[in-house]
Amino acid sequence: LAADRTTWQTRLDQLEAAESGLAAEGERLHAATQATAARVDELRTAHQACAETMNQATERARTARGRAHAASEALHRAELRQTQAETELQLHESTLDSDYPGLTMATAEAQAEPIANRAEAAAELQTTREAMAALGEVNLGAPEESRRVGERLEFYAREQADLARARDDLLTVMADLDAVSRERLARAFDDVNREFDALFRRVFGPNGHAALEWTDPDNFLESGVEVLVEMPGKRTQNLNLLSGGERAMTTITLLLSMFRVKPTPFCLLDELDASLDEHNLRQYRNLLTEFAQLSQFIVITHNPETTRAADTLYGITMAEPGVSRAYSYKPPASTEN
């Protein structure tokens, strides 16, 4: 039993020693576990930070790729515009060379001016081109033709100046003639008016009165003449308001008053006595006899009383139908009025 006790005691000591080792190992493992947990936490935190950094880097990379794509598209568009501009430049150079031979692009750029409105400039350019096209081919003889046209223009200018001077001279002469005409017409009008009134009083009586008046006294060169008559015992009235005989006799006195102011070589009277009564016929005959001393009168009449004032009578008869016959007769001198 003692041996067993010793054995069990030994085993117990071994177990106690093993338990103490296991406790120490458990503490070591617990410490290691805590250290591992702390490391895990650190690694987790680091992982999260790395994930966030990766996400940020991914976003920056996405943004960078978008910017790179936009830059690539912008570069492509710029290349297209450059190509288009180069094509247009080549076209403009070709057009410039065809439309304006000898004009280089450098010279055109030096002479170019800023364009405020391209639409208006394009319209003006089109108008200029149409005008140039309308001119046709270049006329090499244009300088000589221009010289000839200039000479003719100078000739016409001299002619125009001569015509202007002639016009001024004519206007001056017309003004002088106008002044002389006004003076002479006014004087003749006054003379005829005076003689008309005197002869009218002689024919119709001393209480009668006759006068001529201008319808436009301020411009009597273009004015009409109104005949105003005052028969004895009547009011003044226009010639058109008189009876036929009075109007005819007044007209005769006006005509003869003109003859008295300025006689003419002869006068033709066509049946002025047609509406005269017997008394006025004698007056008419006496006036013809008196004024025959100043002018030669040719009188057409059917009135025998008028023929008594004639020096020579001419008659026309138609003895046969369609056949006229003229004859003349010189009556003997008579002192009867």
Protein backbone atom coordinates (compact mmCIF):
# COMPACT_ATOMS: atom_id res chain seq x y z
CA LEU A 1 0.00 0.00 0.00
CA ALA A 2 2.83 2.29 0.80
CA ALA A 3 4.17 1.68 -2.63
CA ASP A 4 0.84 2.43 -4.19
CA ARG A 5 0.51 5.51 -2.09
CA THR A 6 3.84 6.63 -3.27
CA THR A 7 2.92 5.88 -6.80
CA TRP A 8 -0.35 7.74 -6.52
CA GLN A 9 1.39 10.59 -4.75
CA THR A 10 3.86 10.75 -7.52
CA ARG A 11 1.10 10.63 -10.07
CA LEU A 12 -0.71 13.33 -8.13
CA ASP A 13 2.33 15.52 -8.12
CA GLN A 14 2.71 14.89 -11.81
CA LEU A 15 -0.90 15.83 -12.33
CA GLU A 16 -0.52 18.97 -10.21
CA ALA A 17 2.62 19.84 -12.17
CA ALA A 18 0.75 19.16 -15.40
CA GLU A 19 -2.16 21.27 -14.17
CA SER A 20 0.21 24.12 -13.32
CA GLY A 21 1.75 23.80 -16.82
CA LEU A 22 -1.67 23.71 -18.38
CA ALA A 23 -2.71 26.82 -16.41
CA ALA A 24 0.40 28.62 -17.54
CA GLU A 25 -0.17 27.43 -21.09
CA GLY A 26 -3.82 28.56 -20.84
CA GLU A 27 -2.72 32.00 -19.68
CA ARG A 28 -0.18 32.10 -22.49
CA LEU A 29 -2.81 31.03 -24.96
CA HIS A 30 -5.26 33.55 -23.51
CA ALA A 31 -2.64 36.27 -23.89
CA ALA A 32 -1.91 35.06 -27.39
CA THR A 33 -5.62 35.02 -28.16
CA GLN A 34 -6.00 38.58 -26.93
CA ALA A 35 -2.98 39.61 -28.92
CA THR A 36 -4.39 37.85 -31.96
CA ALA A 37 -7.77 39.52 -31.48
CA ALA A 38 -6.07 42.89 -31.18
CA ARG A 39 -4.10 42.11 -34.33
CA VAL A 40 -7.29 41.06 -36.06
CA ASP A 41 -8.89 44.32 -35.06
CA GLU A 42 -5.89 46.16 -36.36
CA LEU A 43 -5.97 44.18 -39.57
CA ARG A 44 -9.72 44.75 -39.91
CA THR A 45 -9.23 48.48 -39.41
CA ALA A 46 -6.39 48.44 -41.90
CA HIS A 47 -8.55 46.45 -44.30
CA GLN A 48 -11.37 48.96 -44.02
CA ALA A 49 -8.92 51.81 -44.58
CA CYS A 50 -7.49 49.98 -47.57
CA ALA A 51 -11.01 49.37 -48.88
CA GLU A 52 -11.87 53.03 -48.54
CA THR A 53 -8.59 53.99 -50.17
CA MET A 54 -9.29 51.50 -52.95
CA ASN A 55 -12.79 52.89 -53.42
CA GLN A 56 -11.42 56.41 -53.56
CA ALA A 57 -8.74 55.33 -55.99
CA THR A 58 -11.36 53.54 -58.08
CA GLU A 59 -13.53 56.68 -58.17
CA ARG A 60 -10.54 58.81 -59.06
CA ALA A 61 -9.65 56.33 -61.75
CA ARG A 62 -13.24 56.39 -63.07
CA THR A 63 -13.18 60.21 -63.07
CA ALA A 64 -9.81 60.19 -64.75
CA ARG A 65 -11.08 57.74 -67.38
CA GLY A 66 -14.12 60.02 -67.99
CA ARG A 67 -11.89 63.04 -68.32
CA ALA A 68 -9.56 61.13 -70.58
CA HIS A 69 -12.53 60.06 -72.73
CA ALA A 70 -13.88 63.62 -72.90
CA ALA A 71 -10.39 64.87 -73.71
CA SER A 72 -10.13 62.22 -76.40
CA GLU A 73 -13.47 63.27 -77.90
CA ALA A 74 -12.49 66.94 -77.68
CA LEU A 75 -9.20 66.11 -79.35
CA HIS A 76 -11.09 64.24 -82.06
CA ARG A 77 -13.45 67.15 -82.61
CA ALA A 78 -10.53 69.55 -82.68
CA GLU A 79 -8.82 67.34 -85.25
CA LEU A 80 -12.04 67.31 -87.31
CA ARG A 81 -12.31 71.10 -87.09
CA GLN A 82 -8.67 71.41 -88.00
CA THR A 83 -9.20 69.15 -90.99
CA GLN A 84 -12.32 71.11 -91.99
CA ALA A 85 -10.50 74.41 -91.54
CA GLU A 86 -7.60 73.16 -93.64
CA THR A 87 -10.06 72.04 -96.32
CA GLU A 88 -11.86 75.40 -96.25
CA LEU A 89 -8.52 77.19 -96.35
CA GLN A 90 -7.51 75.19 -99.40
CA LEU A 91 -10.91 75.97 -100.98
CA HIS A 92 -10.53 79.69 -100.19
CA GLU A 93 -7.02 79.67 -101.62
CA SER A 94 -8.32 78.00 -104.77
CA THR A 95 -11.25 80.44 -105.01
CA LEU A 96 -8.94 83.38 -104.37
CA ASP A 97 -6.59 82.24 -107.07
CA SER A 98 -9.43 81.71 -109.58
CA ASP A 99 -11.38 84.90 -108.77
CA TYR A 100 -8.43 87.19 -108.16
CA PRO A 101 -5.39 85.93 -110.08
CA GLY A 102 -2.13 87.14 -108.61
CA LEU A 103 -3.59 87.82 -105.16
CA THR A 104 -1.94 85.62 -102.55
CA MET A 105 -3.41 84.63 -99.21
CA ALA A 106 -0.75 86.65 -97.38
CA THR A 107 -1.63 89.77 -99.37
CA ALA A 108 -5.35 89.18 -98.78
CA GLU A 109 -4.74 88.78 -95.04
CA ALA A 110 -2.76 92.04 -95.02
CA GLN A 111 -5.58 93.87 -96.82
CA ALA A 112 -8.42 92.23 -94.86
CA GLU A 113 -10.65 94.34 -92.61
CA PRO A 114 -12.76 93.21 -89.64
CA ILE A 115 -16.26 92.02 -90.59
CA ALA A 116 -18.99 93.24 -88.25
CA ASN A 117 -21.81 91.24 -89.85
CA ARG A 118 -20.94 88.18 -91.92
CA ALA A 119 -24.46 87.92 -93.41
CA GLU A 120 -24.38 91.49 -94.67
CA ALA A 121 -20.82 91.00 -95.91
CA ALA A 122 -21.86 87.85 -97.78
CA ALA A 123 -24.82 89.65 -99.36
CA GLU A 124 -22.59 92.56 -100.39
CA LEU A 125 -20.03 90.13 -101.81
CA GLN A 126 -22.74 88.38 -103.83
CA THR A 127 -24.00 91.72 -105.15
CA THR A 128 -20.45 92.72 -106.10
CA ARG A 129 -19.91 89.42 -107.87
CA GLU A 130 -23.15 89.81 -109.83
CA ALA A 131 -22.14 93.35 -110.79
CA MET A 132 -18.73 92.09 -111.90
CA ALA A 133 -20.38 89.31 -113.88
CA ALA A 134 -22.69 91.83 -115.52
CA LEU A 135 -19.65 93.81 -116.66
CA GLY A 136 -18.64 90.90 -118.83
CA GLU A 137 -15.16 90.28 -120.12
CA VAL A 138 -12.40 92.80 -119.50
CA ASN A 139 -12.34 95.40 -122.24
CA LEU A 140 -8.75 96.14 -123.08
CA GLY A 141 -9.83 99.20 -125.02
CA ALA A 142 -11.59 100.65 -122.00
CA PRO A 143 -8.87 103.27 -121.26
CA GLU A 144 -9.08 104.66 -124.78
CA GLU A 145 -12.86 104.53 -124.69
CA SER A 146 -12.82 106.25 -121.30
CA ARG A 147 -10.63 108.99 -122.77
CA ARG A 148 -13.03 109.48 -125.68
CA VAL A 149 -16.03 109.49 -123.34
CA GLY A 150 -14.25 112.02 -121.13
CA GLU A 151 -13.63 114.27 -124.13
CA ARG A 152 -17.28 114.00 -125.16
CA LEU A 153 -18.32 114.68 -121.57
CA GLU A 154 -16.20 117.83 -121.55
CA PHE A 155 -17.73 118.81 -124.90
CA TYR A 156 -21.23 118.29 -123.59
CA ALA A 157 -20.35 120.19 -120.44
CA ARG A 158 -19.23 123.14 -122.56
CA GLU A 159 -22.39 122.81 -124.65
CA GLN A 160 -24.47 122.72 -121.50
CA ALA A 161 -22.73 125.82 -120.21
CA ASP A 162 -23.37 127.55 -123.56
CA LEU A 163 -27.01 126.49 -123.45
CA ALA A 164 -27.30 127.74 -119.88
CA ARG A 165 -25.86 131.11 -120.90
CA ALA A 166 -28.16 131.20 -123.94
CA ARG A 167 -31.09 130.31 -121.70
CA ASP A 168 -30.19 133.11 -119.32
CA ASP A 169 -29.86 135.49 -122.25
CA LEU A 170 -33.23 134.36 -123.60
CA LEU A 171 -34.83 134.78 -120.19
CA THR A 172 -33.37 138.28 -120.01
CA VAL A 173 -34.69 139.07 -123.49
CA MET A 174 -38.06 137.57 -122.59
CA ALA A 175 -38.16 139.66 -119.45
CA ASP A 176 -37.34 142.76 -121.50
CA LEU A 177 -39.96 141.79 -124.10
CA ASP A 178 -42.42 141.14 -121.33
CA ALA A 179 -41.79 144.58 -119.87
CA VAL A 180 -42.07 146.25 -123.30
CA SER A 181 -45.18 144.19 -124.10
CA ARG A 182 -46.78 145.21 -120.82
CA GLU A 183 -46.01 148.86 -121.48
CA ARG A 184 -47.23 148.80 -125.09
CA LEU A 185 -50.28 146.69 -124.31
CA ALA A 186 -51.24 148.98 -121.44
CA ARG A 187 -50.82 152.05 -123.65
CA ALA A 188 -52.76 150.47 -126.55
CA PHE A 189 -55.45 149.30 -124.13
CA ASP A 190 -55.86 152.80 -122.76
CA ASP A 191 -55.96 154.28 -126.29
CA VAL A 192 -58.54 151.75 -127.50
CA ASN A 193 -60.56 152.26 -124.33
CA ARG A 194 -60.61 156.01 -124.88
CA GLU A 195 -61.54 155.71 -128.57
CA PHE A 196 -64.13 153.03 -127.77
CA ASP A 197 -65.88 155.23 -125.24
CA ALA A 198 -65.81 158.26 -127.58
CA LEU A 199 -67.15 156.32 -130.58
CA PHE A 200 -69.78 154.62 -128.41
CA ARG A 201 -71.04 158.00 -127.18
CA ARG A 202 -71.19 159.20 -130.79
CA VAL A 203 -73.22 156.18 -131.90
CA PHE A 204 -75.53 155.71 -128.88
CA GLY A 205 -75.65 159.24 -127.52
CA PRO A 206 -73.64 161.38 -125.11
CA ASN A 207 -75.28 159.74 -122.07
CA GLY A 208 -73.90 156.34 -123.03
CA HIS A 209 -70.67 154.89 -121.78
CA ALA A 210 -68.48 151.91 -122.76
CA ALA A 211 -65.26 150.58 -121.26
CA LEU A 212 -62.89 147.65 -121.46
CA GLU A 213 -61.67 146.03 -118.26
CA TRP A 214 -59.10 143.30 -117.57
CA THR A 215 -60.44 140.15 -115.94
CA ASP A 216 -57.06 139.82 -114.19
CA PRO A 217 -55.53 143.29 -113.80
CA ASP A 218 -52.43 141.92 -112.03
CA ASN A 219 -51.48 139.74 -114.99
CA PHE A 220 -53.05 141.39 -117.98
CA LEU A 221 -50.66 139.73 -120.47
CA GLU A 222 -52.61 136.53 -119.88
CA SER A 223 -55.85 138.16 -118.82
CA GLY A 224 -59.14 138.24 -120.64
CA VAL A 225 -61.02 141.44 -121.55
CA GLU A 226 -64.52 142.23 -120.37
CA VAL A 227 -66.68 144.73 -122.29
CA LEU A 228 -68.93 146.81 -120.02
CA VAL A 229 -71.60 148.96 -121.62
CA GLU A 230 -73.97 151.57 -120.20
CA MET A 231 -76.74 152.35 -122.64
CA PRO A 232 -78.44 155.76 -122.23
CA GLY A 233 -80.97 155.44 -119.41
CA LYS A 234 -79.83 151.93 -118.44
CA ARG A 235 -77.44 150.46 -115.91
CA THR A 236 -73.96 149.20 -116.76
CA GLN A 237 -73.97 145.60 -117.98
CA ASN A 238 -71.85 143.06 -119.77
CA LEU A 239 -71.79 142.93 -123.56
CA ASN A 240 -73.34 139.44 -123.50
CA LEU A 241 -76.47 140.82 -121.79
CA LEU A 242 -77.30 143.25 -124.60
CA SER A 243 -79.82 142.62 -127.35
CA GLY A 244 -78.62 141.31 -130.70
CA GLY A 245 -78.62 144.72 -132.43
CA GLU A 246 -77.01 146.51 -129.46
CA ARG A 247 -74.39 143.82 -129.16
CA ALA A 248 -73.59 143.96 -132.90
CA MET A 249 -73.36 147.75 -132.95
CA THR A 250 -71.19 147.79 -129.80
CA THR A 251 -68.89 145.23 -131.41
CA ILE A 252 -68.66 147.38 -134.54
CA THR A 253 -67.73 150.47 -132.49
CA LEU A 254 -65.07 148.44 -130.62
CA LEU A 255 -63.64 147.15 -133.90
CA LEU A 256 -63.55 150.61 -135.45
CA SER A 257 -62.00 152.12 -132.33
CA MET A 258 -59.14 149.63 -132.78
CA PHE A 259 -58.84 150.78 -136.39
CA ARG A 260 -58.67 154.35 -135.22
CA VAL A 261 -55.80 153.56 -132.82
CA LYS A 262 -53.90 151.38 -135.32
CA PRO A 263 -55.31 151.24 -138.87
CA THR A 264 -54.71 148.15 -141.03
CA PRO A 265 -54.51 148.01 -144.84
CA PHE A 266 -57.89 146.31 -145.16
CA CYS A 267 -60.69 144.82 -143.11
CA LEU A 268 -63.14 142.02 -143.91
CA LEU A 269 -66.62 142.29 -142.36
CA ASP A 270 -68.98 139.34 -142.79
CA GLU A 271 -72.66 140.30 -142.35
CA LEU A 272 -72.19 142.38 -139.23
CA ASP A 273 -75.38 144.22 -140.13
CA ALA A 274 -77.65 141.18 -140.07
CA SER A 275 -79.20 142.09 -136.71
CA LEU A 276 -79.18 145.89 -137.05
CA ASP A 277 -82.36 147.93 -137.30
CA GLU A 278 -82.83 150.79 -139.77
CA HIS A 279 -81.39 153.48 -137.50
CA ASN A 280 -78.30 151.44 -136.64
CA LEU A 281 -77.90 150.49 -140.32
CA ARG A 282 -77.53 154.18 -141.17
CA GLN A 283 -75.05 154.60 -138.33
CA TYR A 284 -73.14 151.56 -139.59
CA ARG A 285 -73.12 152.89 -143.17
CA ASN A 286 -71.90 156.32 -142.06
CA LEU A 287 -69.10 154.74 -140.00
CA LEU A 288 -68.00 152.62 -142.98
CA THR A 289 -67.91 155.70 -145.17
CA GLU A 290 -65.83 157.57 -142.59
CA PHE A 291 -63.38 154.78 -141.85
CA ALA A 292 -62.97 153.92 -145.53
CA GLN A 293 -60.70 156.98 -145.61
CA LEU A 294 -58.27 155.07 -143.33
CA SER A 295 -58.51 151.49 -144.58
CA GLN A 296 -60.01 149.40 -147.32
CA PHE A 297 -63.13 147.52 -146.22
CA ILE A 298 -64.46 144.35 -147.79
CA VAL A 299 -68.03 143.95 -146.59
CA ILE A 300 -70.21 140.88 -147.09
CA THR A 301 -73.86 141.87 -146.76
CA HIS A 302 -77.40 141.24 -147.99
CA ASN A 303 -78.66 144.62 -146.84
CA PRO A 304 -79.19 147.27 -149.55
CA GLU A 305 -78.66 150.07 -147.02
CA THR A 306 -75.12 148.88 -146.39
CA THR A 307 -74.32 148.64 -150.10
CA ARG A 308 -74.96 152.41 -150.44
CA ALA A 309 -71.62 153.01 -148.68
CA ALA A 310 -69.67 150.88 -151.18
CA ASP A 311 -67.46 152.23 -153.94
CA THR A 312 -67.66 148.94 -155.83
CA LEU A 313 -70.19 146.14 -155.63
CA TYR A 314 -69.43 142.48 -156.34
CA GLY A 315 -72.25 140.03 -156.74
CA ILE A 316 -72.45 136.25 -157.02
CA THR A 317 -75.43 134.67 -158.77
CA MET A 318 -76.34 131.15 -159.77
CA ALA A 319 -78.15 131.41 -163.10
CA GLU A 320 -78.00 127.66 -163.50
CA PRO A 321 -77.91 125.01 -160.79
CA GLY A 322 -74.31 124.36 -159.79
CA VAL A 323 -72.93 127.25 -161.87
CA SER A 324 -71.92 130.45 -160.06
CA ARG A 325 -71.39 133.73 -161.83
CA ALA A 326 -69.62 136.82 -160.45
CA TYR A 327 -70.17 140.37 -161.57
CA SER A 328 -69.06 143.80 -160.40
CA TYR A 329 -70.74 147.21 -160.39
CA LYS A 330 -69.34 150.62 -159.56
CA PRO A 331 -72.19 152.91 -158.57
CA PRO A 332 -72.01 156.61 -159.42
CA ALA A 333 -70.66 158.97 -156.76
CA SER A 334 -73.34 160.17 -154.39
CA THR A 335 -73.34 162.73 -151.62
CA GLU A 336 -76.30 161.18 -149.82
CA ASN A 337 -75.51 159.66 -146.45
